[in-house]
Amino acid sequence: MLTIDVEQEDDGRWIAEVAALPGVLAYGTTEAEARAHVAALAFRVIADRMDNNEPVPDEALGLFSLA
């Protein structure tokens, strides 16, 4: 499971990041919005890495199971 870290900036915006995916961070006007934006970005980064046969963090490997 990937962890989303959030904190509020001095200007009131919220920033969320996924430490296991360097560079995956997003802002939002609310904590929930920042979390939603960074989760969507994390999925896109993971998909791109998979498409290009690049490594995916171990925490992301549990997102899918084989049927």
PDB file of N, CA and C in Angstrom:
ATOM      1  N   MET A   1       0.838  -1.172   0.000  1.00  0.00           N
ATOM      2  CA  MET A   1       0.000   0.000   0.000  1.00  0.00           C
ATOM      3  C   MET A   1       0.889   1.243   0.000  1.00  0.00           C
ATOM      4  N   LEU A   2       0.602   2.187  -0.854  1.00  0.00           N
ATOM      5  CA  LEU A   2       1.352   3.434  -0.916  1.00  0.00           C
ATOM      6  C   LEU A   2       0.800   4.424   0.110  1.00  0.00           C
ATOM      7  N   THR A   3       1.685   5.172   0.723  1.00  0.00           N
ATOM      8  CA  THR A   3       1.291   6.145   1.738  1.00  0.00           C
ATOM      9  C   THR A   3       1.311   7.544   1.147  1.00  0.00           C
ATOM     10  N   ILE A   4       0.257   8.293   1.442  1.00  0.00           N
ATOM     11  CA  ILE A   4       0.167   9.699   1.043  1.00  0.00           C
ATOM     12  C   ILE A   4       0.415  10.545   2.276  1.00  0.00           C
ATOM     13  N   ASP A   5       1.420  11.425   2.194  1.00  0.00           N
ATOM     14  CA  ASP A   5       1.712  12.370   3.268  1.00  0.00           C
ATOM     15  C   ASP A   5       1.150  13.727   2.873  1.00  0.00           C
ATOM     16  N   VAL A   6       0.504  14.400   3.814  1.00  0.00           N
ATOM     17  CA  VAL A   6      -0.051  15.727   3.527  1.00  0.00           C
ATOM     18  C   VAL A   6       0.346  16.711   4.610  1.00  0.00           C
ATOM     19  N   GLU A   7       0.447  17.963   4.194  1.00  0.00           N
ATOM     20  CA  GLU A   7       0.642  19.030   5.164  1.00  0.00           C
ATOM     21  C   GLU A   7       0.113  20.319   4.559  1.00  0.00           C
ATOM     22  N   GLN A   8      -0.214  21.245   5.436  1.00  0.00           N
ATOM     23  CA  GLN A   8      -0.748  22.521   4.981  1.00  0.00           C
ATOM     24  C   GLN A   8       0.372  23.545   4.889  1.00  0.00           C
ATOM     25  N   GLU A   9       0.424  24.236   3.757  1.00  0.00           N
ATOM     26  CA  GLU A   9       1.421  25.271   3.522  1.00  0.00           C
ATOM     27  C   GLU A   9       1.035  26.544   4.283  1.00  0.00           C
ATOM     28  N   ASP A  10       1.974  27.455   4.417  1.00  0.00           N
ATOM     29  CA  ASP A  10       1.713  28.722   5.105  1.00  0.00           C
ATOM     30  C   ASP A  10       0.626  29.545   4.422  1.00  0.00           C
ATOM     31  N   ASP A  11       0.491  29.393   3.106  1.00  0.00           N
ATOM     32  CA  ASP A  11      -0.518  30.159   2.375  1.00  0.00           C
ATOM     33  C   ASP A  11      -1.901  29.506   2.390  1.00  0.00           C
ATOM     34  N   GLY A  12      -2.046  28.383   3.115  1.00  0.00           N
ATOM     35  CA  GLY A  12      -3.339  27.722   3.261  1.00  0.00           C
ATOM     36  C   GLY A  12      -3.555  26.553   2.321  1.00  0.00           C
ATOM     37  N   ARG A  13      -2.751  26.459   1.265  1.00  0.00           N
ATOM     38  CA  ARG A  13      -2.900  25.318   0.353  1.00  0.00           C
ATOM     39  C   ARG A  13      -2.422  24.048   1.037  1.00  0.00           C
ATOM     40  N   TRP A  14      -2.914  22.934   0.545  1.00  0.00           N
ATOM     41  CA  TRP A  14      -2.482  21.626   1.026  1.00  0.00           C
ATOM     42  C   TRP A  14      -1.577  21.006  -0.022  1.00  0.00           C
ATOM     43  N   ILE A  15      -0.521  20.343   0.429  1.00  0.00           N
ATOM     44  CA  ILE A  15       0.368  19.615  -0.469  1.00  0.00           C
ATOM     45  C   ILE A  15       0.390  18.154  -0.029  1.00  0.00           C
ATOM     46  N   ALA A  16       0.286  17.284  -1.005  1.00  0.00           N
ATOM     47  CA  ALA A  16       0.311  15.844  -0.741  1.00  0.00           C
ATOM     48  C   ALA A  16       1.404  15.220  -1.597  1.00  0.00           C
ATOM     49  N   GLU A  17       2.059  14.202  -1.044  1.00  0.00           N
ATOM     50  CA  GLU A  17       3.091  13.517  -1.814  1.00  0.00           C
ATOM     51  C   GLU A  17       3.111  12.034  -1.481  1.00  0.00           C
ATOM     52  N   VAL A  18       3.647  11.275  -2.420  1.00  0.00           N
ATOM     53  CA  VAL A  18       3.849   9.842  -2.248  1.00  0.00           C
ATOM     54  C   VAL A  18       5.354   9.634  -2.229  1.00  0.00           C
ATOM     55  N   ALA A  19       5.908   9.429  -1.046  1.00  0.00           N
ATOM     56  CA  ALA A  19       7.370   9.346  -0.891  1.00  0.00           C
ATOM     57  C   ALA A  19       7.983   8.194  -1.683  1.00  0.00           C
ATOM     58  N   ALA A  20       7.244   7.118  -1.877  1.00  0.00           N
ATOM     59  CA  ALA A  20       7.772   5.957  -2.609  1.00  0.00           C
ATOM     60  C   ALA A  20       7.919   6.244  -4.102  1.00  0.00           C
ATOM     61  N   LEU A  21       7.318   7.352  -4.561  1.00  0.00           N
ATOM     62  CA  LEU A  21       7.407   7.746  -5.968  1.00  0.00           C
ATOM     63  C   LEU A  21       7.956   9.172  -6.018  1.00  0.00           C
ATOM     64  N   PRO A  22       9.263   9.318  -6.029  1.00  0.00           N
ATOM     65  CA  PRO A  22       9.863  10.659  -6.008  1.00  0.00           C
ATOM     66  C   PRO A  22       9.286  11.571  -7.092  1.00  0.00           C
ATOM     67  N   GLY A  23       8.972  12.781  -6.686  1.00  0.00           N
ATOM     68  CA  GLY A  23       8.414  13.754  -7.619  1.00  0.00           C
ATOM     69  C   GLY A  23       6.909  13.734  -7.728  1.00  0.00           C
ATOM     70  N   VAL A  24       6.266  12.745  -7.099  1.00  0.00           N
ATOM     71  CA  VAL A  24       4.811  12.673  -7.156  1.00  0.00           C
ATOM     72  C   VAL A  24       4.248  13.485  -6.001  1.00  0.00           C
ATOM     73  N   LEU A  25       3.881  14.723  -6.320  1.00  0.00           N
ATOM     74  CA  LEU A  25       3.266  15.602  -5.329  1.00  0.00           C
ATOM     75  C   LEU A  25       2.253  16.482  -6.027  1.00  0.00           C
ATOM     76  N   ALA A  26       1.264  16.925  -5.271  1.00  0.00           N
ATOM     77  CA  ALA A  26       0.191  17.740  -5.836  1.00  0.00           C
ATOM     78  C   ALA A  26      -0.387  18.638  -4.764  1.00  0.00           C
ATOM     79  N   TYR A  27      -0.898  19.769  -5.205  1.00  0.00           N
ATOM     80  CA  TYR A  27      -1.544  20.724  -4.314  1.00  0.00           C
ATOM     81  C   TYR A  27      -3.048  20.636  -4.435  1.00  0.00           C
ATOM     82  N   GLY A  28      -3.727  21.130  -3.408  1.00  0.00           N
ATOM     83  CA  GLY A  28      -5.167  21.252  -3.433  1.00  0.00           C
ATOM     84  C   GLY A  28      -5.601  22.350  -2.487  1.00  0.00           C
ATOM     85  N   THR A  29      -6.813  22.845  -2.686  1.00  0.00           N
ATOM     86  CA  THR A  29      -7.321  23.877  -1.785  1.00  0.00           C
ATOM     87  C   THR A  29      -7.813  23.271  -0.473  1.00  0.00           C
ATOM     88  N   THR A  30      -8.075  21.955  -0.504  1.00  0.00           N
ATOM     89  CA  THR A  30      -8.433  21.223   0.711  1.00  0.00           C
ATOM     90  C   THR A  30      -7.538  19.998   0.817  1.00  0.00           C
ATOM     91  N   GLU A  31      -7.496  19.412   1.997  1.00  0.00           N
ATOM     92  CA  GLU A  31      -6.696  18.192   2.176  1.00  0.00           C
ATOM     93  C   GLU A  31      -7.214  17.079   1.272  1.00  0.00           C
ATOM     94  N   ALA A  32      -8.525  16.935   1.202  1.00  0.00           N
ATOM     95  CA  ALA A  32      -9.115  15.874   0.376  1.00  0.00           C
ATOM     96  C   ALA A  32      -8.780  16.072  -1.100  1.00  0.00           C
ATOM     97  N   GLU A  33      -8.798  17.317  -1.557  1.00  0.00           N
ATOM     98  CA  GLU A  33      -8.468  17.594  -2.951  1.00  0.00           C
ATOM     99  C   GLU A  33      -7.010  17.263  -3.247  1.00  0.00           C
ATOM    100  N   ALA A  34      -6.122  17.632  -2.353  1.00  0.00           N
ATOM    101  CA  ALA A  34      -4.699  17.321  -2.545  1.00  0.00           C
ATOM    102  C   ALA A  34      -4.483  15.812  -2.582  1.00  0.00           C
ATOM    103  N   ARG A  35      -5.144  15.081  -1.683  1.00  0.00           N
ATOM    104  CA  ARG A  35      -5.027  13.626  -1.668  1.00  0.00           C
ATOM    105  C   ARG A  35      -5.526  13.018  -2.980  1.00  0.00           C
ATOM    106  N   ALA A  36      -6.654  13.504  -3.476  1.00  0.00           N
ATOM    107  CA  ALA A  36      -7.227  12.981  -4.716  1.00  0.00           C
ATOM    108  C   ALA A  36      -6.294  13.250  -5.898  1.00  0.00           C
ATOM    109  N   HIS A  37      -5.747  14.456  -5.960  1.00  0.00           N
ATOM    110  CA  HIS A  37      -4.847  14.804  -7.066  1.00  0.00           C
ATOM    111  C   HIS A  37      -3.582  13.942  -7.042  1.00  0.00           C
ATOM    112  N   VAL A  38      -2.993  13.757  -5.865  1.00  0.00           N
ATOM    113  CA  VAL A  38      -1.748  12.998  -5.800  1.00  0.00           C
ATOM    114  C   VAL A  38      -1.994  11.505  -6.045  1.00  0.00           C
ATOM    115  N   ALA A  39      -3.144  10.997  -5.628  1.00  0.00           N
ATOM    116  CA  ALA A  39      -3.460   9.590  -5.893  1.00  0.00           C
ATOM    117  C   ALA A  39      -3.595   9.356  -7.398  1.00  0.00           C
ATOM    118  N   ALA A  40      -4.287  10.255  -8.091  1.00  0.00           N
ATOM    119  CA  ALA A  40      -4.448  10.134  -9.537  1.00  0.00           C
ATOM    120  C   ALA A  40      -3.090  10.203 -10.236  1.00  0.00           C
ATOM    121  N   LEU A  41      -2.249  11.115  -9.781  1.00  0.00           N
ATOM    122  CA  LEU A  41      -0.912  11.239 -10.368  1.00  0.00           C
ATOM    123  C   LEU A  41      -0.087   9.976 -10.119  1.00  0.00           C
ATOM    124  N   ALA A  42      -0.184   9.432  -8.925  1.00  0.00           N
ATOM    125  CA  ALA A  42       0.562   8.210  -8.597  1.00  0.00           C
ATOM    126  C   ALA A  42       0.142   7.062  -9.515  1.00  0.00           C
ATOM    127  N   PHE A  43      -1.157   6.917  -9.761  1.00  0.00           N
ATOM    128  CA  PHE A  43      -1.623   5.868 -10.674  1.00  0.00           C
ATOM    129  C   PHE A  43      -1.049   6.072 -12.075  1.00  0.00           C
ATOM    130  N   ARG A  44      -1.009   7.317 -12.542  1.00  0.00           N
ATOM    131  CA  ARG A  44      -0.464   7.593 -13.873  1.00  0.00           C
ATOM    132  C   ARG A  44       1.025   7.256 -13.935  1.00  0.00           C
ATOM    133  N   VAL A  45       1.768   7.609 -12.898  1.00  0.00           N
ATOM    134  CA  VAL A  45       3.206   7.319 -12.871  1.00  0.00           C
ATOM    135  C   VAL A  45       3.446   5.813 -12.840  1.00  0.00           C
ATOM    136  N   ILE A  46       2.683   5.099 -12.021  1.00  0.00           N
ATOM    137  CA  ILE A  46       2.829   3.643 -11.944  1.00  0.00           C
ATOM    138  C   ILE A  46       2.517   3.009 -13.300  1.00  0.00           C
ATOM    139  N   ALA A  47       1.437   3.445 -13.938  1.00  0.00           N
ATOM    140  CA  ALA A  47       1.068   2.900 -15.248  1.00  0.00           C
ATOM    141  C   ALA A  47       2.157   3.174 -16.276  1.00  0.00           C
ATOM    142  N   ASP A  48       2.701   4.377 -16.259  1.00  0.00           N
ATOM    143  CA  ASP A  48       3.770   4.722 -17.195  1.00  0.00           C
ATOM    144  C   ASP A  48       4.998   3.847 -16.960  1.00  0.00           C
ATOM    145  N   ARG A  49       5.339   3.643 -15.715  1.00  0.00           N
ATOM    146  CA  ARG A  49       6.490   2.791 -15.409  1.00  0.00           C
ATOM    147  C   ARG A  49       6.257   1.364 -15.882  1.00  0.00           C
ATOM    148  N   MET A  50       5.040   0.856 -15.664  1.00  0.00           N
ATOM    149  CA  MET A  50       4.729  -0.497 -16.100  1.00  0.00           C
ATOM    150  C   MET A  50       4.786  -0.608 -17.623  1.00  0.00           C
ATOM    151  N   ASP A  51       4.244   0.395 -18.327  1.00  0.00           N
ATOM    152  CA  ASP A  51       4.265   0.397 -19.792  1.00  0.00           C
ATOM    153  C   ASP A  51       5.689   0.390 -20.343  1.00  0.00           C
ATOM    154  N   ASN A  52       6.600   1.005 -19.598  1.00  0.00           N
ATOM    155  CA  ASN A  52       7.978   1.129 -20.064  1.00  0.00           C
ATOM    156  C   ASN A  52       8.932   0.150 -19.383  1.00  0.00           C
ATOM    157  N   ASN A  53       8.380  -0.879 -18.742  1.00  0.00           N
ATOM    158  CA  ASN A  53       9.175  -1.905 -18.061  1.00  0.00           C
ATOM    159  C   ASN A  53      10.173  -1.312 -17.065  1.00  0.00           C
ATOM    160  N   GLU A  54       9.749  -0.258 -16.375  1.00  0.00           N
ATOM    161  CA  GLU A  54      10.575   0.364 -15.348  1.00  0.00           C
ATOM    162  C   GLU A  54      10.131  -0.153 -13.983  1.00  0.00           C
ATOM    163  N   PRO A  55      11.008  -0.077 -12.990  1.00  0.00           N
ATOM    164  CA  PRO A  55      10.647  -0.591 -11.670  1.00  0.00           C
ATOM    165  C   PRO A  55       9.485   0.173 -11.032  1.00  0.00           C
ATOM    166  N   VAL A  56       8.681  -0.579 -10.308  1.00  0.00           N
ATOM    167  CA  VAL A  56       7.546  -0.041  -9.558  1.00  0.00           C
ATOM    168  C   VAL A  56       7.831  -0.308  -8.086  1.00  0.00           C
ATOM    169  N   PRO A  57       7.533   0.645  -7.193  1.00  0.00           N
ATOM    170  CA  PRO A  57       7.787   0.418  -5.768  1.00  0.00           C
ATOM    171  C   PRO A  57       7.072  -0.835  -5.259  1.00  0.00           C
ATOM    172  N   ASP A  58       7.717  -1.547  -4.367  1.00  0.00           N
ATOM    173  CA  ASP A  58       7.123  -2.754  -3.797  1.00  0.00           C
ATOM    174  C   ASP A  58       5.742  -2.478  -3.210  1.00  0.00           C
ATOM    175  N   GLU A  59       5.557  -1.282  -2.641  1.00  0.00           N
ATOM    176  CA  GLU A  59       4.269  -0.928  -2.028  1.00  0.00           C
ATOM    177  C   GLU A  59       3.137  -0.909  -3.048  1.00  0.00           C
ATOM    178  N   ALA A  60       3.470  -0.688  -4.314  1.00  0.00           N
ATOM    179  CA  ALA A  60       2.453  -0.621  -5.353  1.00  0.00           C
ATOM    180  C   ALA A  60       2.096  -1.989  -5.916  1.00  0.00           C
ATOM    181  N   LEU A  61       2.913  -2.981  -5.660  1.00  0.00           N
ATOM    182  CA  LEU A  61       2.684  -4.314  -6.237  1.00  0.00           C
ATOM    183  C   LEU A  61       1.413  -4.958  -5.711  1.00  0.00           C
ATOM    184  N   GLY A  62       0.934  -4.550  -4.539  1.00  0.00           N
ATOM    185  CA  GLY A  62      -0.276  -5.116  -3.963  1.00  0.00           C
ATOM    186  C   GLY A  62      -1.551  -4.487  -4.488  1.00  0.00           C
ATOM    187  N   LEU A  63      -1.458  -3.593  -5.465  1.00  0.00           N
ATOM    188  CA  LEU A  63      -2.648  -2.932  -6.000  1.00  0.00           C
ATOM    189  C   LEU A  63      -3.505  -3.892  -6.824  1.00  0.00           C
ATOM    190  N   PHE A  64      -2.889  -4.931  -7.382  1.00  0.00           N
ATOM    191  CA  PHE A  64      -3.597  -5.860  -8.250  1.00  0.00           C
ATOM    192  C   PHE A  64      -3.329  -7.294  -7.820  1.00  0.00           C
ATOM    193  N   SER A  65      -4.300  -8.145  -8.093  1.00  0.00           N
ATOM    194  CA  SER A  65      -4.087  -9.565  -7.845  1.00  0.00           C
ATOM    195  C   SER A  65      -4.524 -10.320  -9.106  1.00  0.00           C
ATOM    196  N   LEU A  66      -3.882 -11.442  -9.352  1.00  0.00           N
ATOM    197  CA  LEU A  66      -4.244 -12.253 -10.510  1.00  0.00           C
ATOM    198  C   LEU A  66      -5.487 -13.055 -10.200  1.00  0.00           C
ATOM    199  N   ALA A  67      -6.373 -13.153 -11.173  1.00  0.00           N
ATOM    200  CA  ALA A  67      -7.619 -13.915 -10.994  1.00  0.00           C
ATOM    201  C   ALA A  67      -7.398 -15.353 -11.360  1.00  0.00           C
TER     202      ALA A  67
END
